[in-house]
Amino acid sequence: MPYELYYWDGIQGRGEFIRLALEEAGAKYIDKCRSSTGTQAMMEFLKGDHGHAQMPFAPPFLKDGELVISHVANILLYLGPKLGLVPEDEKSRLIANGLELTITDFVAEVHDTHHPISTSDYYEDQKTEAKARSTAFIKDRIPKFLGYFERMLSANPSTGSFSIGKDLTYVDLSLFQVMEGLHYAFPKAMKALVKDYPKLSALRQNVSKRPNIKAYLKSERRLPFSESGIFRHYPELDLNS
């Protein structure tokens, strides 16, 4: 039975972190909201109208048989062992989960660069605040988070190429998505900063060349970045704009 992924149609968003893991593993899955009735089914889950005891707060969530799992890090904690995208020992799994939760924190800060006041208001209603937030984000928060992940890659005793152990994990796929998104949203800033993160840059390139990921990135299943998602390119929010 294929996995069922529920996330808003038309954007990558947080659902993309789950898609990358499923695509890398060659797992069978259905992107439910890309069907004519999928969004309605998702809303039934969220409103509790589905008659299901497991009611997610928000997408993405994954349905595996009768099991419903919400939150990106939680979903990947569940999928990692099943897809062979995390080492088998408990210590490594806990480390991977901690790293994914840190990525979750970072992604939330990315979102707040264009919606620093209210998620209910349009970007155009908070442009002044967004400029101040993005300036601080580029100056302080990108170096803080990427510096941490760069040190983490360097500290891996196995290879230094991946985040945990000698093989690719779901954390590496998520870091790939973060790097792709940052280069889209803040191209000038990332051009200036990228030299400080050679291992993250190498990871980005290596992941993009993996056969299943390479095929996915060229397929219609991979939606483009847009100004409706988490990573948004507003030139006025980039470096020296």
Protein backbone atom coordinates (compact mmCIF):
# COMPACT_ATOMS: atom_id res chain seq x y z
CA MET A 1 0.00 0.00 0.00
CA PRO A 2 1.51 3.38 -0.97
CA TYR A 3 2.07 6.13 1.55
CA GLU A 4 -0.34 9.06 1.35
CA LEU A 5 1.19 12.53 1.71
CA TYR A 6 -1.12 15.42 2.51
CA TYR A 7 0.07 18.96 1.84
CA TRP A 8 -1.23 22.09 0.11
CA ASP A 9 -1.31 21.74 -3.66
CA GLY A 10 0.74 24.03 -5.85
CA ILE A 11 3.71 24.70 -3.56
CA GLN A 12 6.74 22.82 -2.30
CA GLY A 13 6.46 24.09 1.28
CA ARG A 14 7.22 21.82 4.19
CA GLY A 15 5.85 18.88 2.27
CA GLU A 16 8.96 18.92 0.07
CA PHE A 17 11.13 17.61 2.89
CA ILE A 18 8.95 14.49 2.95
CA ARG A 19 8.83 14.15 -0.84
CA LEU A 20 12.62 14.18 -1.12
CA ALA A 21 12.92 11.26 1.30
CA LEU A 22 10.23 9.26 -0.50
CA GLU A 23 11.73 10.02 -3.91
CA GLU A 24 15.29 9.15 -2.88
CA ALA A 25 14.12 5.80 -1.51
CA GLY A 26 11.97 5.05 -4.56
CA ALA A 27 9.00 4.57 -2.25
CA LYS A 28 5.48 4.37 -3.60
CA TYR A 29 3.42 7.34 -2.46
CA ILE A 30 0.43 9.41 -3.46
CA ASP A 31 0.56 13.20 -3.24
CA LYS A 32 -3.08 13.34 -2.24
CA CYS A 33 -3.79 17.04 -2.72
CA ARG A 34 -2.74 16.90 -6.34
CA SER A 35 -5.87 14.88 -7.04
CA SER A 36 -9.31 16.43 -7.54
CA THR A 37 -10.60 15.31 -4.14
CA GLY A 38 -7.37 15.41 -2.14
CA THR A 39 -7.67 18.89 -0.66
CA GLN A 40 -11.19 18.16 0.53
CA ALA A 41 -9.99 14.96 2.18
CA MET A 42 -7.15 16.86 3.86
CA MET A 43 -9.52 19.47 5.23
CA GLU A 44 -11.75 16.72 6.62
CA PHE A 45 -8.75 15.39 8.53
CA LEU A 46 -7.84 18.84 9.83
CA LYS A 47 -11.40 19.61 10.93
CA GLY A 48 -11.89 16.22 12.53
CA ASP A 49 -14.68 15.37 10.08
CA HIS A 50 -12.89 12.30 8.78
CA GLY A 51 -13.94 10.14 11.71
CA HIS A 52 -10.27 9.45 12.41
CA ALA A 53 -8.98 9.51 15.98
CA GLN A 54 -5.65 10.98 14.84
CA MET A 55 -6.38 14.59 13.92
CA PRO A 56 -3.36 16.63 12.70
CA PHE A 57 -3.07 20.31 13.54
CA ALA A 58 -1.70 21.26 10.11
CA PRO A 59 -0.12 19.68 7.03
CA PRO A 60 2.09 18.05 6.11
CA PHE A 61 0.96 14.75 7.45
CA LEU A 62 1.50 11.22 6.24
CA LYS A 63 -0.95 8.34 6.25
CA ASP A 64 0.43 4.81 6.36
CA GLY A 65 -2.48 2.42 6.56
CA GLU A 66 -4.44 3.48 9.63
CA LEU A 67 -1.54 5.46 11.08
CA VAL A 68 -1.50 9.24 10.64
CA ILE A 69 1.74 11.09 11.45
CA SER A 70 2.13 14.89 11.48
CA HIS A 71 5.07 17.34 11.57
CA VAL A 72 8.06 17.07 9.24
CA ALA A 73 10.62 15.88 11.80
CA ASN A 74 8.16 13.38 13.26
CA ILE A 75 7.29 11.99 9.83
CA LEU A 76 10.95 11.60 8.93
CA LEU A 77 11.67 9.99 12.30
CA TYR A 78 9.05 7.40 11.32
CA LEU A 79 10.08 7.02 7.67
CA GLY A 80 13.84 7.04 8.16
CA PRO A 81 14.24 3.41 9.27
CA LYS A 82 11.60 2.18 6.81
CA LEU A 83 13.29 3.87 3.86
CA GLY A 84 16.86 3.10 4.89
CA LEU A 85 17.60 6.79 5.38
CA VAL A 86 19.01 6.68 8.90
CA PRO A 87 21.45 4.35 10.68
CA GLU A 88 19.92 1.48 12.63
CA ASP A 89 21.22 2.34 16.10
CA GLU A 90 19.09 4.40 18.48
CA LYS A 91 21.80 6.99 19.13
CA SER A 92 22.07 7.86 15.45
CA ARG A 93 18.31 8.07 15.09
CA LEU A 94 18.07 10.49 17.99
CA ILE A 95 20.90 12.59 16.56
CA ALA A 96 19.14 12.67 13.19
CA ASN A 97 15.89 13.74 14.81
CA GLY A 98 17.65 16.51 16.72
CA LEU A 99 19.24 17.80 13.52
CA GLU A 100 15.92 17.70 11.70
CA LEU A 101 14.27 19.64 14.51
CA THR A 102 17.01 22.26 14.18
CA ILE A 103 16.26 22.46 10.46
CA THR A 104 12.60 22.93 11.38
CA ASP A 105 13.57 25.91 13.55
CA PHE A 106 15.61 27.38 10.71
CA VAL A 107 12.81 26.96 8.18
CA ALA A 108 10.45 28.81 10.53
CA GLU A 109 12.90 31.71 10.61
CA VAL A 110 13.10 31.69 6.80
CA HIS A 111 9.32 32.01 6.66
CA ASP A 112 9.39 34.92 9.10
CA THR A 113 11.63 36.98 6.82
CA HIS A 114 8.63 37.70 4.60
CA HIS A 115 5.90 37.39 7.25
CA PRO A 116 7.46 38.82 10.43
CA ILE A 117 4.27 40.30 11.89
CA SER A 118 1.36 38.08 10.90
CA THR A 119 0.87 35.02 8.72
CA SER A 120 -2.69 36.23 8.11
CA ASP A 121 -1.59 39.46 6.41
CA TYR A 122 -0.06 39.81 2.97
CA TYR A 123 3.66 40.42 2.56
CA GLU A 124 2.81 43.79 1.08
CA ASP A 125 1.25 44.78 4.42
CA GLN A 126 4.51 44.23 6.33
CA LYS A 127 7.28 45.07 3.86
CA THR A 128 9.10 47.50 6.17
CA GLU A 129 9.21 44.96 8.98
CA ALA A 130 10.17 42.21 6.53
CA LYS A 131 13.17 44.21 5.31
CA ALA A 132 14.40 44.68 8.88
CA ARG A 133 13.84 41.01 9.65
CA SER A 134 15.56 39.75 6.51
CA THR A 135 18.54 42.06 7.04
CA ALA A 136 19.08 40.58 10.50
CA PHE A 137 18.44 37.08 9.15
CA ILE A 138 21.15 37.42 6.50
CA LYS A 139 23.62 39.01 8.88
CA ASP A 140 23.11 36.82 11.94
CA ARG A 141 20.86 33.82 11.46
CA ILE A 142 22.11 32.34 8.19
CA PRO A 143 25.71 32.25 9.50
CA LYS A 144 24.56 30.84 12.84
CA PHE A 145 22.60 27.94 11.37
CA LEU A 146 24.76 27.17 8.33
CA GLY A 147 27.88 27.48 10.45
CA TYR A 148 26.47 24.85 12.79
CA PHE A 149 25.60 22.45 9.97
CA GLU A 150 29.02 22.99 8.36
CA ARG A 151 30.72 22.08 11.66
CA MET A 152 28.47 19.08 12.00
CA LEU A 153 29.48 17.78 8.57
CA SER A 154 33.15 18.38 9.37
CA ALA A 155 32.85 16.52 12.67
CA ASN A 156 31.43 13.35 11.13
CA PRO A 157 34.19 10.79 11.75
CA SER A 158 32.93 8.45 9.03
CA THR A 159 33.32 10.53 5.90
CA GLY A 160 32.76 14.22 6.46
CA SER A 161 30.47 14.07 3.41
CA PHE A 162 27.22 13.28 5.19
CA SER A 163 25.66 14.42 8.42
CA ILE A 164 25.52 11.06 10.21
CA GLY A 165 27.53 7.94 9.49
CA LYS A 166 28.95 6.99 6.11
CA ASP A 167 25.73 7.04 4.10
CA LEU A 168 23.15 9.62 3.09
CA THR A 169 20.30 10.21 5.54
CA TYR A 170 17.07 12.17 5.45
CA VAL A 171 18.90 14.99 7.23
CA ASP A 172 21.18 15.40 4.20
CA LEU A 173 18.15 15.59 1.92
CA SER A 174 16.65 18.27 4.13
CA LEU A 175 19.91 20.24 4.12
CA PHE A 176 19.89 20.03 0.32
CA GLN A 177 16.40 21.55 0.29
CA VAL A 178 17.44 24.30 2.68
CA MET A 179 20.45 25.21 0.53
CA GLU A 180 18.35 25.17 -2.63
CA GLY A 181 15.75 27.38 -0.99
CA LEU A 182 18.24 29.89 0.37
CA HIS A 183 19.92 30.25 -3.01
CA TYR A 184 16.51 30.94 -4.54
CA ALA A 185 15.32 33.38 -1.88
CA PHE A 186 18.57 35.24 -1.23
CA PRO A 187 20.82 34.77 -4.29
CA LYS A 188 23.04 37.81 -3.63
CA ALA A 189 23.49 36.98 0.03
CA MET A 190 24.24 33.33 -0.66
CA LYS A 191 26.74 34.23 -3.38
CA ALA A 192 28.61 36.28 -0.79
CA LEU A 193 28.30 33.71 2.00
CA VAL A 194 28.59 30.36 0.23
CA LYS A 195 32.41 30.31 0.30
CA ASP A 196 32.21 29.89 4.07
CA TYR A 197 30.29 26.62 3.75
CA PRO A 198 32.20 24.34 1.35
CA LYS A 199 30.88 21.09 2.83
CA LEU A 200 27.25 22.22 2.64
CA SER A 201 27.84 23.34 -0.95
CA ALA A 202 29.39 19.98 -1.79
CA LEU A 203 26.48 18.18 -0.13
CA ARG A 204 24.04 20.21 -2.21
CA GLN A 205 25.81 19.19 -5.41
CA ASN A 206 26.18 15.55 -4.42
CA VAL A 207 22.52 15.15 -3.49
CA SER A 208 21.39 16.75 -6.76
CA LYS A 209 23.38 14.13 -8.70
CA ARG A 210 21.92 11.09 -6.98
CA PRO A 211 19.95 9.14 -9.62
CA ASN A 212 16.52 9.23 -7.98
CA ILE A 213 16.84 12.85 -6.89
CA LYS A 214 18.19 13.93 -10.26
CA ALA A 215 15.22 12.28 -11.98
CA TYR A 216 12.80 13.84 -9.50
CA LEU A 217 14.20 17.34 -9.96
CA LYS A 218 13.62 17.03 -13.70
CA SER A 219 10.09 15.66 -13.32
CA GLU A 220 6.76 17.45 -13.09
CA ARG A 221 6.45 16.19 -9.52
CA ARG A 222 9.09 18.71 -8.44
CA LEU A 223 7.24 22.01 -8.28
CA PRO A 224 9.31 25.18 -8.70
CA PHE A 225 10.00 27.59 -5.88
CA SER A 226 7.52 30.44 -5.85
CA GLU A 227 6.35 33.45 -3.88
CA SER A 228 3.60 31.34 -2.33
CA GLY A 229 5.91 28.99 -0.46
CA ILE A 230 8.36 29.21 2.42
CA PHE A 231 11.41 30.24 0.38
CA ARG A 232 10.38 33.40 -1.47
CA HIS A 233 12.50 35.65 -3.63
CA TYR A 234 11.72 39.29 -3.03
CA PRO A 235 14.69 41.27 -4.43
CA GLU A 236 14.18 44.03 -1.88
CA LEU A 237 14.83 41.56 0.94
CA ASP A 238 18.13 40.31 -0.45
CA LEU A 239 21.59 41.62 0.36
CA ASN A 240 22.19 45.31 -0.47
CA SER A 241 18.73 45.71 -1.98
